[in-house]
Amino acid sequence: MDINLAVLIDGDNIPSAYVKEMMEEIAKYGNPTIKRIYGDWTNPKLSKWKNLLLENAITPIQQYAYTTGKNATDSAMIIDAMDILYSNKVGGFCIVSSDSDFTRLATRLREAGMNVIGIGEKKTPNPFIVACDKFIYIEILKNQSEESSSGTSDSKRDKKDNVDKITQKEIKLIASTISDLADEDGWAFLGDVGSLLQKKQPNFDSRNYGFQKLTPLIKSIKNFEIDQRENVKGRFKLIYVRNR
């Protein structure tokens, strides 16, 4: 059963262009019953959000900038998040921001048993990323949007430019995770590998490297061997992986 999610968006810190793709991504993890965006709506910089809010049923929360250089939006989001937490109406939060100021909030929500998903740009500081259960880069959603809306070579080239190259660091992480879960013959169930990778590194996502799923990513790396086994309980095969 889907958990109810509170989606809190830092309007001052997130580009508006991919809000539709962002909401579609969030729906994979739960039912977004509370959707709020925070910012100073008297500021012309936020004008691009206005039609998008109506289309996606997101409630704008007005937050005036009381003092120059101080981010009042952060404070408003944090106060609302704690009010929502104590209302017991949701089982998880999605914090949409690239700002490390929400690190302590994410930690506190997880301490209370909430599932916390972060969404932000690749520039997001690591402390906020690791404070979440899962962190998704907006650039991934941008790539998906461009790929589905255009088949042009320019779109593919832009997508390729935005894809990270898998490094020895990620390969070692995958290898150690397989070892952690392996049976006596060295095989580990890929679903368990994916779950443990997420716990070890919340921003690990096969889409960062140009693959929609973990299986093709693993297949692309010569260090790993894959075995597909019949599933007596379902029509989909069970996929196992081991280090070569």
C-alpha atoms as a PDB file:
ATOM      1  CA  MET A   1       0.000   0.000   0.000  1.00  0.00           C
ATOM      2  CA  ASP A   2       1.261   3.495  -0.877  1.00  0.00           C
ATOM      3  CA  ILE A   3       2.325   5.653   2.038  1.00  0.00           C
ATOM      4  CA  ASN A   4       1.062   9.224   2.247  1.00  0.00           C
ATOM      5  CA  LEU A   5       3.799  11.765   1.504  1.00  0.00           C
ATOM      6  CA  ALA A   6       4.231  15.435   2.352  1.00  0.00           C
ATOM      7  CA  VAL A   7       5.994  17.227  -0.518  1.00  0.00           C
ATOM      8  CA  LEU A   8       7.714  20.439   0.587  1.00  0.00           C
ATOM      9  CA  ILE A   9       9.388  22.477  -2.171  1.00  0.00           C
ATOM     10  CA  ASP A  10      11.927  25.253  -1.684  1.00  0.00           C
ATOM     11  CA  GLY A  11      10.731  27.635  -4.411  1.00  0.00           C
ATOM     12  CA  ASP A  12      13.765  29.885  -3.997  1.00  0.00           C
ATOM     13  CA  ASN A  13      16.168  27.042  -4.662  1.00  0.00           C
ATOM     14  CA  ILE A  14      14.658  24.766  -7.328  1.00  0.00           C
ATOM     15  CA  PRO A  15      14.070  25.474 -11.066  1.00  0.00           C
ATOM     16  CA  SER A  16      10.427  25.278 -12.149  1.00  0.00           C
ATOM     17  CA  ALA A  17      11.002  23.685 -15.568  1.00  0.00           C
ATOM     18  CA  TYR A  18      10.617  20.032 -14.552  1.00  0.00           C
ATOM     19  CA  VAL A  19       7.937  20.136 -11.876  1.00  0.00           C
ATOM     20  CA  LYS A  20       5.662  17.768 -13.866  1.00  0.00           C
ATOM     21  CA  GLU A  21       8.419  15.137 -14.152  1.00  0.00           C
ATOM     22  CA  MET A  22       9.290  15.679 -10.498  1.00  0.00           C
ATOM     23  CA  MET A  23       5.718  14.994  -9.346  1.00  0.00           C
ATOM     24  CA  GLU A  24       5.551  11.882 -11.542  1.00  0.00           C
ATOM     25  CA  GLU A  25       8.774  10.631  -9.917  1.00  0.00           C
ATOM     26  CA  ILE A  26       7.457  11.297  -6.397  1.00  0.00           C
ATOM     27  CA  ALA A  27       4.283   9.304  -7.170  1.00  0.00           C
ATOM     28  CA  LYS A  28       6.464   6.166  -7.542  1.00  0.00           C
ATOM     29  CA  TYR A  29       7.228   6.275  -3.821  1.00  0.00           C
ATOM     30  CA  GLY A  30       3.863   7.156  -2.331  1.00  0.00           C
ATOM     31  CA  ASN A  31       0.715   9.254  -2.496  1.00  0.00           C
ATOM     32  CA  PRO A  32       1.581  12.985  -2.274  1.00  0.00           C
ATOM     33  CA  THR A  33      -1.339  14.095  -0.099  1.00  0.00           C
ATOM     34  CA  ILE A  34       0.297  17.366   1.035  1.00  0.00           C
ATOM     35  CA  LYS A  35       2.013  19.491  -1.635  1.00  0.00           C
ATOM     36  CA  ARG A  36       3.380  22.894  -0.680  1.00  0.00           C
ATOM     37  CA  ILE A  37       5.890  25.284  -2.175  1.00  0.00           C
ATOM     38  CA  TYR A  38       7.538  28.079  -0.204  1.00  0.00           C
ATOM     39  CA  GLY A  39       8.788  31.444  -1.409  1.00  0.00           C
ATOM     40  CA  ASP A  40       8.199  35.165  -1.640  1.00  0.00           C
ATOM     41  CA  TRP A  41       5.523  35.278  -4.346  1.00  0.00           C
ATOM     42  CA  THR A  42       5.875  39.051  -4.668  1.00  0.00           C
ATOM     43  CA  ASN A  43       9.289  38.376  -6.194  1.00  0.00           C
ATOM     44  CA  PRO A  44       9.146  38.330 -10.052  1.00  0.00           C
ATOM     45  CA  LYS A  45      11.732  35.512 -10.067  1.00  0.00           C
ATOM     46  CA  LEU A  46       9.024  33.070  -8.938  1.00  0.00           C
ATOM     47  CA  SER A  47       6.492  34.049 -11.639  1.00  0.00           C
ATOM     48  CA  LYS A  48       7.303  30.939 -13.732  1.00  0.00           C
ATOM     49  CA  TRP A  49       5.902  28.723 -10.967  1.00  0.00           C
ATOM     50  CA  LYS A  50       2.380  30.174 -10.915  1.00  0.00           C
ATOM     51  CA  ASN A  51       0.672  28.221 -13.748  1.00  0.00           C
ATOM     52  CA  LEU A  52       2.574  25.065 -12.801  1.00  0.00           C
ATOM     53  CA  LEU A  53       1.148  25.191  -9.285  1.00  0.00           C
ATOM     54  CA  LEU A  54      -2.432  25.117 -10.592  1.00  0.00           C
ATOM     55  CA  GLU A  55      -1.659  22.276 -13.023  1.00  0.00           C
ATOM     56  CA  ASN A  56      -0.094  20.141 -10.270  1.00  0.00           C
ATOM     57  CA  ALA A  57      -2.325  21.150  -7.318  1.00  0.00           C
ATOM     58  CA  ILE A  58       0.606  22.518  -5.305  1.00  0.00           C
ATOM     59  CA  THR A  59      -0.273  25.049  -2.596  1.00  0.00           C
ATOM     60  CA  PRO A  60       1.918  28.188  -2.568  1.00  0.00           C
ATOM     61  CA  ILE A  61       2.964  29.393   0.887  1.00  0.00           C
ATOM     62  CA  GLN A  62       3.845  33.080   1.044  1.00  0.00           C
ATOM     63  CA  GLN A  63       7.023  33.769   2.976  1.00  0.00           C
ATOM     64  CA  TYR A  64       8.325  37.321   3.012  1.00  0.00           C
ATOM     65  CA  ALA A  65      12.069  37.876   3.199  1.00  0.00           C
ATOM     66  CA  TYR A  66      12.159  39.728   6.523  1.00  0.00           C
ATOM     67  CA  THR A  67      15.886  40.395   6.510  1.00  0.00           C
ATOM     68  CA  THR A  68      18.375  40.721   3.664  1.00  0.00           C
ATOM     69  CA  GLY A  69      20.690  37.705   3.520  1.00  0.00           C
ATOM     70  CA  LYS A  70      18.470  35.481   5.687  1.00  0.00           C
ATOM     71  CA  ASN A  71      16.472  32.655   4.138  1.00  0.00           C
ATOM     72  CA  ALA A  72      12.994  32.840   5.681  1.00  0.00           C
ATOM     73  CA  THR A  73      11.764  30.094   3.317  1.00  0.00           C
ATOM     74  CA  ASP A  74      13.935  27.507   5.081  1.00  0.00           C
ATOM     75  CA  SER A  75      12.463  28.382   8.474  1.00  0.00           C
ATOM     76  CA  ALA A  76       8.885  28.231   7.190  1.00  0.00           C
ATOM     77  CA  MET A  77       9.454  24.811   5.600  1.00  0.00           C
ATOM     78  CA  ILE A  78      11.048  23.426   8.751  1.00  0.00           C
ATOM     79  CA  ILE A  79       8.239  24.676  11.003  1.00  0.00           C
ATOM     80  CA  ASP A  80       5.569  23.229   8.674  1.00  0.00           C
ATOM     81  CA  ALA A  81       7.435  19.918   8.410  1.00  0.00           C
ATOM     82  CA  MET A  82       7.416  19.513  12.194  1.00  0.00           C
ATOM     83  CA  ASP A  83       3.704  20.428  12.373  1.00  0.00           C
ATOM     84  CA  ILE A  84       2.952  17.810   9.688  1.00  0.00           C
ATOM     85  CA  LEU A  85       5.111  15.235  11.501  1.00  0.00           C
ATOM     86  CA  TYR A  86       3.133  15.632  14.723  1.00  0.00           C
ATOM     87  CA  SER A  87      -0.206  15.522  12.864  1.00  0.00           C
ATOM     88  CA  ASN A  88       0.459  11.819  12.076  1.00  0.00           C
ATOM     89  CA  LYS A  89      -1.127  12.234   8.625  1.00  0.00           C
ATOM     90  CA  VAL A  90       1.850  11.064   6.547  1.00  0.00           C
ATOM     91  CA  GLY A  91       4.393   8.245   6.541  1.00  0.00           C
ATOM     92  CA  GLY A  92       7.094  10.082   4.645  1.00  0.00           C
ATOM     93  CA  PHE A  93       8.407  13.393   3.385  1.00  0.00           C
ATOM     94  CA  CYS A  94       9.838  14.594   0.100  1.00  0.00           C
ATOM     95  CA  ILE A  95      12.071  17.629   0.572  1.00  0.00           C
ATOM     96  CA  VAL A  96      12.769  19.375  -2.731  1.00  0.00           C
ATOM     97  CA  SER A  97      15.811  21.619  -2.393  1.00  0.00           C
ATOM     98  CA  SER A  98      19.531  21.795  -3.150  1.00  0.00           C
ATOM     99  CA  ASP A  99      20.185  23.543   0.172  1.00  0.00           C
ATOM    100  CA  SER A 100      22.214  21.898   2.945  1.00  0.00           C
ATOM    101  CA  ASP A 101      20.163  23.849   5.526  1.00  0.00           C
ATOM    102  CA  PHE A 102      17.641  20.998   5.441  1.00  0.00           C
ATOM    103  CA  THR A 103      20.180  18.379   6.607  1.00  0.00           C
ATOM    104  CA  ARG A 104      19.092  18.515  10.246  1.00  0.00           C
ATOM    105  CA  LEU A 105      15.406  18.425   9.266  1.00  0.00           C
ATOM    106  CA  ALA A 106      15.905  15.267   7.183  1.00  0.00           C
ATOM    107  CA  THR A 107      17.815  13.654  10.061  1.00  0.00           C
ATOM    108  CA  ARG A 108      15.107  14.580  12.577  1.00  0.00           C
ATOM    109  CA  LEU A 109      12.307  13.232  10.389  1.00  0.00           C
ATOM    110  CA  ARG A 110      14.117   9.924   9.937  1.00  0.00           C
ATOM    111  CA  GLU A 111      14.685   9.709  13.688  1.00  0.00           C
ATOM    112  CA  ALA A 112      10.885   9.908  14.006  1.00  0.00           C
ATOM    113  CA  GLY A 113      10.504   6.912  11.667  1.00  0.00           C
ATOM    114  CA  MET A 114       9.663   8.868   8.518  1.00  0.00           C
ATOM    115  CA  ASN A 115      10.871   7.842   5.074  1.00  0.00           C
ATOM    116  CA  VAL A 116      12.680  10.880   3.632  1.00  0.00           C
ATOM    117  CA  ILE A 117      13.239  11.415  -0.100  1.00  0.00           C
ATOM    118  CA  GLY A 118      15.356  14.343  -1.240  1.00  0.00           C
ATOM    119  CA  ILE A 119      15.234  15.898  -4.710  1.00  0.00           C
ATOM    120  CA  GLY A 120      17.718  18.526  -5.833  1.00  0.00           C
ATOM    121  CA  GLU A 121      20.384  19.481  -8.321  1.00  0.00           C
ATOM    122  CA  LYS A 122      23.772  17.795  -8.573  1.00  0.00           C
ATOM    123  CA  LYS A 123      25.299  20.762  -6.752  1.00  0.00           C
ATOM    124  CA  THR A 124      23.479  19.685  -3.553  1.00  0.00           C
ATOM    125  CA  PRO A 125      25.971  19.365  -0.657  1.00  0.00           C
ATOM    126  CA  ASN A 126      26.684  15.800   0.458  1.00  0.00           C
ATOM    127  CA  PRO A 127      25.494  16.223   4.098  1.00  0.00           C
ATOM    128  CA  PHE A 128      21.908  16.771   2.923  1.00  0.00           C
ATOM    129  CA  ILE A 129      22.123  13.876   0.443  1.00  0.00           C
ATOM    130  CA  VAL A 130      23.281  11.338   3.047  1.00  0.00           C
ATOM    131  CA  ALA A 131      20.680  12.566   5.555  1.00  0.00           C
ATOM    132  CA  CYS A 132      17.918  11.244   3.233  1.00  0.00           C
ATOM    133  CA  ASP A 133      16.821   7.647   2.637  1.00  0.00           C
ATOM    134  CA  LYS A 134      16.971   8.328  -1.088  1.00  0.00           C
ATOM    135  CA  PHE A 135      18.188  11.340  -3.054  1.00  0.00           C
ATOM    136  CA  ILE A 136      17.232  11.970  -6.682  1.00  0.00           C
ATOM    137  CA  TYR A 137      18.963  14.439  -8.973  1.00  0.00           C
ATOM    138  CA  ILE A 138      16.672  16.750 -10.957  1.00  0.00           C
ATOM    139  CA  GLU A 139      19.068  16.396 -13.904  1.00  0.00           C
ATOM    140  CA  ILE A 140      17.946  12.747 -14.248  1.00  0.00           C
ATOM    141  CA  LEU A 141      14.329  13.853 -14.636  1.00  0.00           C
ATOM    142  CA  LYS A 142      15.429  16.464 -17.175  1.00  0.00           C
ATOM    143  CA  ASN A 143      17.154  13.737 -19.215  1.00  0.00           C
ATOM    144  CA  GLN A 144      14.054  11.527 -19.126  1.00  0.00           C
ATOM    145  CA  SER A 145      11.845  14.425 -20.209  1.00  0.00           C
ATOM    146  CA  GLU A 146      14.080  15.311 -23.160  1.00  0.00           C
ATOM    147  CA  GLU A 147      14.391  11.680 -24.211  1.00  0.00           C
ATOM    148  CA  SER A 148      10.634  11.092 -24.247  1.00  0.00           C
ATOM    149  CA  SER A 149       9.750  14.407 -25.945  1.00  0.00           C
ATOM    150  CA  SER A 150      12.415  14.347 -28.662  1.00  0.00           C
ATOM    151  CA  GLY A 151      14.162  11.734 -30.726  1.00  0.00           C
ATOM    152  CA  THR A 152      16.655  14.158 -32.184  1.00  0.00           C
ATOM    153  CA  SER A 153      20.389  13.606 -32.100  1.00  0.00           C
ATOM    154  CA  ASP A 154      20.768  16.928 -30.229  1.00  0.00           C
ATOM    155  CA  SER A 155      18.603  15.601 -27.410  1.00  0.00           C
ATOM    156  CA  LYS A 156      20.638  12.398 -27.232  1.00  0.00           C
ATOM    157  CA  ARG A 157      23.870  14.361 -27.229  1.00  0.00           C
ATOM    158  CA  ASP A 158      22.623  16.609 -24.398  1.00  0.00           C
ATOM    159  CA  LYS A 159      21.572  13.529 -22.466  1.00  0.00           C
ATOM    160  CA  LYS A 160      24.994  11.954 -22.917  1.00  0.00           C
ATOM    161  CA  ASP A 161      26.672  15.144 -21.717  1.00  0.00           C
ATOM    162  CA  ASN A 162      24.599  15.057 -18.510  1.00  0.00           C
ATOM    163  CA  VAL A 163      25.318  11.384 -17.701  1.00  0.00           C
ATOM    164  CA  ASP A 164      27.966  10.592 -15.096  1.00  0.00           C
ATOM    165  CA  LYS A 165      30.727   8.128 -15.962  1.00  0.00           C
ATOM    166  CA  ILE A 166      30.822   5.154 -13.637  1.00  0.00           C
ATOM    167  CA  THR A 167      34.126   5.131 -11.759  1.00  0.00           C
ATOM    168  CA  GLN A 168      36.131   2.612  -9.763  1.00  0.00           C
ATOM    169  CA  LYS A 169      34.579   4.055  -6.602  1.00  0.00           C
ATOM    170  CA  GLU A 170      31.057   3.006  -7.675  1.00  0.00           C
ATOM    171  CA  ILE A 171      32.310  -0.362  -8.966  1.00  0.00           C
ATOM    172  CA  LYS A 172      33.958  -1.067  -5.612  1.00  0.00           C
ATOM    173  CA  LEU A 173      30.756  -0.073  -3.819  1.00  0.00           C
ATOM    174  CA  ILE A 174      28.709  -2.503  -5.912  1.00  0.00           C
ATOM    175  CA  ALA A 175      31.299  -5.267  -5.471  1.00  0.00           C
ATOM    176  CA  SER A 176      31.445  -4.896  -1.685  1.00  0.00           C
ATOM    177  CA  THR A 177      27.638  -4.832  -1.497  1.00  0.00           C
ATOM    178  CA  ILE A 178      27.430  -8.087  -3.472  1.00  0.00           C
ATOM    179  CA  SER A 179      29.984  -9.630  -1.099  1.00  0.00           C
ATOM    180  CA  ASP A 180      27.942  -8.498   1.907  1.00  0.00           C
ATOM    181  CA  LEU A 181      24.867 -10.373   0.620  1.00  0.00           C
ATOM    182  CA  ALA A 182      26.439 -13.318  -1.227  1.00  0.00           C
ATOM    183  CA  ASP A 183      25.661 -16.975  -0.500  1.00  0.00           C
ATOM    184  CA  GLU A 184      28.352 -19.663  -0.326  1.00  0.00           C
ATOM    185  CA  ASP A 185      28.679 -19.642  -4.118  1.00  0.00           C
ATOM    186  CA  GLY A 186      29.047 -15.877  -4.256  1.00  0.00           C
ATOM    187  CA  TRP A 187      25.568 -15.141  -5.682  1.00  0.00           C
ATOM    188  CA  ALA A 188      23.389 -12.317  -4.330  1.00  0.00           C
ATOM    189  CA  PHE A 189      19.800 -11.441  -5.246  1.00  0.00           C
ATOM    190  CA  LEU A 190      19.928  -8.216  -7.292  1.00  0.00           C
ATOM    191  CA  GLY A 191      16.878  -6.731  -5.566  1.00  0.00           C
ATOM    192  CA  ASP A 192      18.650  -6.993  -2.201  1.00  0.00           C
ATOM    193  CA  VAL A 193      21.816  -5.526  -3.729  1.00  0.00           C
ATOM    194  CA  GLY A 194      19.862  -2.497  -4.969  1.00  0.00           C
ATOM    195  CA  SER A 195      18.246  -1.939  -1.554  1.00  0.00           C
ATOM    196  CA  LEU A 196      21.565  -2.117   0.295  1.00  0.00           C
ATOM    197  CA  LEU A 197      23.264   0.184  -2.241  1.00  0.00           C
ATOM    198  CA  GLN A 198      20.533   2.753  -1.520  1.00  0.00           C
ATOM    199  CA  LYS A 199      21.171   2.527   2.215  1.00  0.00           C
ATOM    200  CA  LYS A 200      24.920   2.877   1.773  1.00  0.00           C
ATOM    201  CA  GLN A 201      24.703   5.752  -0.726  1.00  0.00           C
ATOM    202  CA  PRO A 202      21.273   7.484  -0.939  1.00  0.00           C
ATOM    203  CA  ASN A 203      22.056   9.183  -4.273  1.00  0.00           C
ATOM    204  CA  PHE A 204      23.046   5.917  -6.005  1.00  0.00           C
ATOM    205  CA  ASP A 205      20.752   5.657  -9.015  1.00  0.00           C
ATOM    206  CA  SER A 206      21.407   3.746 -12.236  1.00  0.00           C
ATOM    207  CA  ARG A 207      19.869   6.680 -14.158  1.00  0.00           C
ATOM    208  CA  ASN A 208      22.828   8.845 -13.092  1.00  0.00           C
ATOM    209  CA  TYR A 209      24.934   6.660 -15.418  1.00  0.00           C
ATOM    210  CA  GLY A 210      22.485   6.516 -18.319  1.00  0.00           C
ATOM    211  CA  PHE A 211      20.671   3.259 -17.424  1.00  0.00           C
ATOM    212  CA  GLN A 212      16.963   3.107 -16.561  1.00  0.00           C
ATOM    213  CA  LYS A 213      17.427   0.066 -14.290  1.00  0.00           C
ATOM    214  CA  LEU A 214      20.143  -1.551 -12.198  1.00  0.00           C
ATOM    215  CA  THR A 215      20.278  -4.759 -14.293  1.00  0.00           C
ATOM    216  CA  PRO A 216      21.605  -3.160 -17.520  1.00  0.00           C
ATOM    217  CA  LEU A 217      24.054  -1.091 -15.475  1.00  0.00           C
ATOM    218  CA  ILE A 218      25.465  -4.252 -13.865  1.00  0.00           C
ATOM    219  CA  LYS A 219      25.573  -6.004 -17.261  1.00  0.00           C
ATOM    220  CA  SER A 220      27.646  -3.144 -18.686  1.00  0.00           C
ATOM    221  CA  ILE A 221      30.439  -3.705 -16.140  1.00  0.00           C
ATOM    222  CA  LYS A 222      32.739  -6.637 -16.851  1.00  0.00           C
ATOM    223  CA  ASN A 223      33.519  -7.129 -13.143  1.00  0.00           C
ATOM    224  CA  PHE A 224      30.116  -8.758 -12.533  1.00  0.00           C
ATOM    225  CA  GLU A 225      28.313 -11.896 -13.660  1.00  0.00           C
ATOM    226  CA  ILE A 226      24.517 -12.173 -13.919  1.00  0.00           C
ATOM    227  CA  ASP A 227      22.292 -15.243 -13.638  1.00  0.00           C
ATOM    228  CA  GLN A 228      18.572 -15.234 -14.470  1.00  0.00           C
ATOM    229  CA  ARG A 229      16.589 -17.928 -12.643  1.00  0.00           C
ATOM    230  CA  GLU A 230      13.030 -19.166 -13.003  1.00  0.00           C
ATOM    231  CA  ASN A 231      10.562 -17.781 -10.490  1.00  0.00           C
ATOM    232  CA  VAL A 232       8.022 -20.405  -9.398  1.00  0.00           C
ATOM    233  CA  LYS A 233       5.886 -17.720  -7.733  1.00  0.00           C
ATOM    234  CA  GLY A 234       5.662 -15.315 -10.655  1.00  0.00           C
ATOM    235  CA  ARG A 235       6.262 -14.722 -14.351  1.00  0.00           C
ATOM    236  CA  PHE A 236       9.314 -12.496 -13.902  1.00  0.00           C
ATOM    237  CA  LYS A 237      12.699 -14.164 -13.626  1.00  0.00           C
ATOM    238  CA  LEU A 238      14.827 -13.718 -10.525  1.00  0.00           C
ATOM    239  CA  ILE A 239      18.126 -11.996 -11.224  1.00  0.00           C
ATOM    240  CA  TYR A 240      21.249 -12.852  -9.247  1.00  0.00           C
ATOM    241  CA  VAL A 241      24.678 -11.287  -9.503  1.00  0.00           C
ATOM    242  CA  ARG A 242      28.195 -12.121  -8.311  1.00  0.00           C
ATOM    243  CA  ASN A 243      31.700 -10.728  -8.555  1.00  0.00           C
ATOM    244  CA  ARG A 244      33.875 -12.273 -11.237  1.00  0.00           C
END
